[in-house]
Amino acid sequence: MQRKRRKSEDTEDKRYCTSPTMFQTPVADQREQQPARFDQWNVDEVASFLPRHGFNEYSSVFRDHKITGRHLSSLNQQDLLDMDITAVGVQKDLLKLFSDVCRSKGNDLSKVFNDPIHGHIELHPLLIKIIDTPQFQRLRNIKQLGW
């Protein structure tokens, strides 16, 4: 005998719908995001990136010097001095920010691992970041034992 479903159960099923639009970001969010690769940023995108990380007063300097995303990875302390950014702490913070951006967004390619049982496995960069967490790495020493 089947029991009748309550109305609340029907609405719960609708909440966990896996429609294709469920995982898409809203249009407003897509406009605010930077391009996937930092080296493709233009002058305005670099200038808009700085205020979001606490460097409001330097966005006009980067715009005046026409710094694009392609230049971020090669900027050094002397370049910042030439741009009249003289505070050493700010220079170091900017260089750290740029190196982090270059490291995190510069690798959009999947990585391939060779597993002795399954062969070559291609993993997305987000999966690599998850695997590199301490919570995931502590599972590394677990052995699967048979009967």
C-alpha atoms as a PDB file:
ATOM      1  CA  MET A   1       0.000   0.000   0.000  1.00  0.00           C
ATOM      2  CA  GLN A   2       1.357   3.380  -1.020  1.00  0.00           C
ATOM      3  CA  ARG A   3       1.115   6.221   1.384  1.00  0.00           C
ATOM      4  CA  LYS A   4       0.005   9.640   0.228  1.00  0.00           C
ATOM      5  CA  ARG A   5       2.692  12.235  -0.181  1.00  0.00           C
ATOM      6  CA  ARG A   6       2.380  15.382   1.820  1.00  0.00           C
ATOM      7  CA  LYS A   7       2.546  18.741   0.110  1.00  0.00           C
ATOM      8  CA  SER A   8       5.785  19.575   1.958  1.00  0.00           C
ATOM      9  CA  GLU A   9       7.444  16.485   0.450  1.00  0.00           C
ATOM     10  CA  ASP A  10       6.565  17.706  -3.048  1.00  0.00           C
ATOM     11  CA  THR A  11       8.157  21.078  -2.413  1.00  0.00           C
ATOM     12  CA  GLU A  12      11.281  19.396  -1.001  1.00  0.00           C
ATOM     13  CA  ASP A  13      11.677  17.459  -4.247  1.00  0.00           C
ATOM     14  CA  LYS A  14      11.444  20.683  -6.233  1.00  0.00           C
ATOM     15  CA  ARG A  15      14.193  22.293  -4.135  1.00  0.00           C
ATOM     16  CA  TYR A  16      16.672  19.610  -5.145  1.00  0.00           C
ATOM     17  CA  CYS A  17      15.905  19.843  -8.828  1.00  0.00           C
ATOM     18  CA  THR A  18      18.920  19.385 -11.067  1.00  0.00           C
ATOM     19  CA  SER A  19      17.854  21.548 -13.960  1.00  0.00           C
ATOM     20  CA  PRO A  20      20.627  22.969 -16.170  1.00  0.00           C
ATOM     21  CA  THR A  21      19.884  26.522 -15.036  1.00  0.00           C
ATOM     22  CA  MET A  22      20.288  25.600 -11.377  1.00  0.00           C
ATOM     23  CA  PHE A  23      24.090  25.870 -11.510  1.00  0.00           C
ATOM     24  CA  GLN A  24      24.346  29.001 -13.642  1.00  0.00           C
ATOM     25  CA  THR A  25      25.376  32.240 -12.006  1.00  0.00           C
ATOM     26  CA  PRO A  26      23.016  35.187 -12.300  1.00  0.00           C
ATOM     27  CA  VAL A  27      23.615  37.629 -15.123  1.00  0.00           C
ATOM     28  CA  ALA A  28      24.550  40.440 -12.719  1.00  0.00           C
ATOM     29  CA  ASP A  29      27.325  38.298 -11.199  1.00  0.00           C
ATOM     30  CA  GLN A  30      28.731  37.467 -14.629  1.00  0.00           C
ATOM     31  CA  ARG A  31      29.197  41.155 -15.446  1.00  0.00           C
ATOM     32  CA  GLU A  32      31.133  41.785 -12.226  1.00  0.00           C
ATOM     33  CA  GLN A  33      33.580  38.893 -12.656  1.00  0.00           C
ATOM     34  CA  GLN A  34      37.021  39.351 -14.135  1.00  0.00           C
ATOM     35  CA  PRO A  35      37.996  37.352 -17.224  1.00  0.00           C
ATOM     36  CA  ALA A  36      39.216  33.885 -16.324  1.00  0.00           C
ATOM     37  CA  ARG A  37      42.845  34.658 -17.164  1.00  0.00           C
ATOM     38  CA  PHE A  38      44.589  37.580 -15.484  1.00  0.00           C
ATOM     39  CA  ASP A  39      46.929  38.029 -18.441  1.00  0.00           C
ATOM     40  CA  GLN A  40      43.943  38.971 -20.610  1.00  0.00           C
ATOM     41  CA  TRP A  41      42.852  41.844 -18.343  1.00  0.00           C
ATOM     42  CA  ASN A  42      42.901  45.294 -19.913  1.00  0.00           C
ATOM     43  CA  VAL A  43      43.886  48.518 -18.123  1.00  0.00           C
ATOM     44  CA  ASP A  44      40.375  49.140 -16.757  1.00  0.00           C
ATOM     45  CA  GLU A  45      40.029  45.597 -15.419  1.00  0.00           C
ATOM     46  CA  VAL A  46      43.333  45.874 -13.559  1.00  0.00           C
ATOM     47  CA  ALA A  47      42.291  49.281 -12.190  1.00  0.00           C
ATOM     48  CA  SER A  48      38.935  47.876 -11.020  1.00  0.00           C
ATOM     49  CA  PHE A  49      40.666  44.877  -9.416  1.00  0.00           C
ATOM     50  CA  LEU A  50      42.780  47.003  -7.050  1.00  0.00           C
ATOM     51  CA  PRO A  51      39.966  48.696  -5.042  1.00  0.00           C
ATOM     52  CA  ARG A  52      38.416  45.307  -4.296  1.00  0.00           C
ATOM     53  CA  HIS A  53      41.619  44.394  -2.479  1.00  0.00           C
ATOM     54  CA  GLY A  54      42.065  47.632  -0.529  1.00  0.00           C
ATOM     55  CA  PHE A  55      44.214  49.628  -2.954  1.00  0.00           C
ATOM     56  CA  ASN A  56      41.700  52.321  -4.002  1.00  0.00           C
ATOM     57  CA  GLU A  57      44.223  55.148  -4.265  1.00  0.00           C
ATOM     58  CA  TYR A  58      46.503  53.195  -6.633  1.00  0.00           C
ATOM     59  CA  SER A  59      43.985  52.281  -9.325  1.00  0.00           C
ATOM     60  CA  SER A  60      44.470  55.661 -11.050  1.00  0.00           C
ATOM     61  CA  VAL A  61      48.264  55.178 -10.956  1.00  0.00           C
ATOM     62  CA  PHE A  62      47.955  51.802 -12.687  1.00  0.00           C
ATOM     63  CA  ARG A  63      45.548  53.325 -15.207  1.00  0.00           C
ATOM     64  CA  ASP A  64      47.915  56.259 -15.919  1.00  0.00           C
ATOM     65  CA  HIS A  65      50.836  53.876 -16.491  1.00  0.00           C
ATOM     66  CA  LYS A  66      48.656  51.612 -18.696  1.00  0.00           C
ATOM     67  CA  ILE A  67      49.348  48.445 -16.684  1.00  0.00           C
ATOM     68  CA  THR A  68      47.454  45.470 -18.127  1.00  0.00           C
ATOM     69  CA  GLY A  69      47.129  41.957 -16.751  1.00  0.00           C
ATOM     70  CA  ARG A  70      50.007  40.847 -18.941  1.00  0.00           C
ATOM     71  CA  HIS A  71      52.312  43.166 -16.953  1.00  0.00           C
ATOM     72  CA  LEU A  72      51.264  42.008 -13.476  1.00  0.00           C
ATOM     73  CA  SER A  73      53.473  38.925 -13.350  1.00  0.00           C
ATOM     74  CA  SER A  74      56.608  40.872 -14.270  1.00  0.00           C
ATOM     75  CA  LEU A  75      56.142  43.891 -11.981  1.00  0.00           C
ATOM     76  CA  ASN A  76      58.894  44.332  -9.414  1.00  0.00           C
ATOM     77  CA  GLN A  77      59.740  46.764  -6.629  1.00  0.00           C
ATOM     78  CA  GLN A  78      61.658  49.089  -8.938  1.00  0.00           C
ATOM     79  CA  ASP A  79      58.662  49.311 -11.286  1.00  0.00           C
ATOM     80  CA  LEU A  80      56.453  50.330  -8.373  1.00  0.00           C
ATOM     81  CA  LEU A  81      59.008  52.973  -7.346  1.00  0.00           C
ATOM     82  CA  ASP A  82      59.002  54.300 -10.918  1.00  0.00           C
ATOM     83  CA  MET A  83      55.221  54.589 -10.607  1.00  0.00           C
ATOM     84  CA  ASP A  84      55.696  56.714  -7.429  1.00  0.00           C
ATOM     85  CA  ILE A  85      54.465  54.019  -5.068  1.00  0.00           C
ATOM     86  CA  THR A  86      57.114  54.614  -2.411  1.00  0.00           C
ATOM     87  CA  ALA A  87      55.720  52.968   0.730  1.00  0.00           C
ATOM     88  CA  VAL A  88      57.624  49.701   1.140  1.00  0.00           C
ATOM     89  CA  GLY A  89      54.718  47.974   2.889  1.00  0.00           C
ATOM     90  CA  VAL A  90      52.348  48.857   0.073  1.00  0.00           C
ATOM     91  CA  GLN A  91      54.895  47.692  -2.496  1.00  0.00           C
ATOM     92  CA  LYS A  92      55.242  44.325  -0.787  1.00  0.00           C
ATOM     93  CA  ASP A  93      51.467  43.947  -0.406  1.00  0.00           C
ATOM     94  CA  LEU A  94      50.900  44.735  -4.078  1.00  0.00           C
ATOM     95  CA  LEU A  95      53.616  42.340  -5.226  1.00  0.00           C
ATOM     96  CA  LYS A  96      52.196  39.577  -3.007  1.00  0.00           C
ATOM     97  CA  LEU A  97      48.701  40.217  -4.362  1.00  0.00           C
ATOM     98  CA  PHE A  98      49.940  40.076  -7.955  1.00  0.00           C
ATOM     99  CA  SER A  99      51.927  36.892  -7.380  1.00  0.00           C
ATOM    100  CA  ASP A 100      48.868  35.254  -5.765  1.00  0.00           C
ATOM    101  CA  VAL A 101      46.663  36.280  -8.692  1.00  0.00           C
ATOM    102  CA  CYS A 102      49.203  35.042 -11.219  1.00  0.00           C
ATOM    103  CA  ARG A 103      49.559  31.745  -9.409  1.00  0.00           C
ATOM    104  CA  SER A 104      45.869  31.088  -8.843  1.00  0.00           C
ATOM    105  CA  LYS A 105      44.409  32.275 -12.126  1.00  0.00           C
ATOM    106  CA  GLY A 106      47.329  31.568 -14.374  1.00  0.00           C
ATOM    107  CA  ASN A 107      46.764  27.829 -14.524  1.00  0.00           C
ATOM    108  CA  ASP A 108      43.485  27.114 -16.274  1.00  0.00           C
ATOM    109  CA  LEU A 109      44.680  23.819 -17.678  1.00  0.00           C
ATOM    110  CA  SER A 110      43.627  20.479 -16.286  1.00  0.00           C
ATOM    111  CA  LYS A 111      46.268  18.229 -14.782  1.00  0.00           C
ATOM    112  CA  VAL A 112      46.705  14.607 -15.762  1.00  0.00           C
ATOM    113  CA  PHE A 113      47.720  11.957 -13.222  1.00  0.00           C
ATOM    114  CA  ASN A 114      48.741   8.405 -13.957  1.00  0.00           C
ATOM    115  CA  ASP A 115      47.004   5.892 -11.724  1.00  0.00           C
ATOM    116  CA  PRO A 116      48.377   2.311 -11.780  1.00  0.00           C
ATOM    117  CA  ILE A 117      44.872   0.817 -11.910  1.00  0.00           C
ATOM    118  CA  HIS A 118      42.773   3.375 -13.798  1.00  0.00           C
ATOM    119  CA  GLY A 119      45.417   4.779 -16.130  1.00  0.00           C
ATOM    120  CA  HIS A 120      45.513   8.485 -16.964  1.00  0.00           C
ATOM    121  CA  ILE A 121      43.040  10.654 -15.040  1.00  0.00           C
ATOM    122  CA  GLU A 122      42.429  14.290 -15.984  1.00  0.00           C
ATOM    123  CA  LEU A 123      41.495  16.580 -13.071  1.00  0.00           C
ATOM    124  CA  HIS A 124      40.159  20.130 -13.107  1.00  0.00           C
ATOM    125  CA  PRO A 125      42.235  22.770 -11.218  1.00  0.00           C
ATOM    126  CA  LEU A 126      39.461  23.169  -8.621  1.00  0.00           C
ATOM    127  CA  LEU A 127      39.738  19.466  -7.798  1.00  0.00           C
ATOM    128  CA  ILE A 128      43.493  19.867  -7.397  1.00  0.00           C
ATOM    129  CA  LYS A 129      42.899  22.640  -4.845  1.00  0.00           C
ATOM    130  CA  ILE A 130      40.465  20.413  -2.930  1.00  0.00           C
ATOM    131  CA  ILE A 131      42.881  17.488  -2.966  1.00  0.00           C
ATOM    132  CA  ASP A 132      45.677  19.718  -1.655  1.00  0.00           C
ATOM    133  CA  THR A 133      43.742  20.649   1.499  1.00  0.00           C
ATOM    134  CA  PRO A 134      44.952  19.138   4.809  1.00  0.00           C
ATOM    135  CA  GLN A 135      41.541  17.565   5.385  1.00  0.00           C
ATOM    136  CA  PHE A 136      41.825  15.604   2.168  1.00  0.00           C
ATOM    137  CA  GLN A 137      45.525  14.770   2.543  1.00  0.00           C
ATOM    138  CA  ARG A 138      45.012  13.112   5.935  1.00  0.00           C
ATOM    139  CA  LEU A 139      43.070  10.384   4.084  1.00  0.00           C
ATOM    140  CA  ARG A 140      46.215   9.514   2.170  1.00  0.00           C
ATOM    141  CA  ASN A 141      47.391   6.842   4.632  1.00  0.00           C
ATOM    142  CA  ILE A 142      44.115   4.909   4.733  1.00  0.00           C
ATOM    143  CA  LYS A 143      44.523   1.422   3.258  1.00  0.00           C
ATOM    144  CA  GLN A 144      41.696  -0.605   1.759  1.00  0.00           C
ATOM    145  CA  LEU A 145      41.901  -4.100   3.142  1.00  0.00           C
ATOM    146  CA  GLY A 146      40.030  -7.095   1.761  1.00  0.00           C
ATOM    147  CA  TRP A 147      38.623 -10.047   3.678  1.00  0.00           C
END
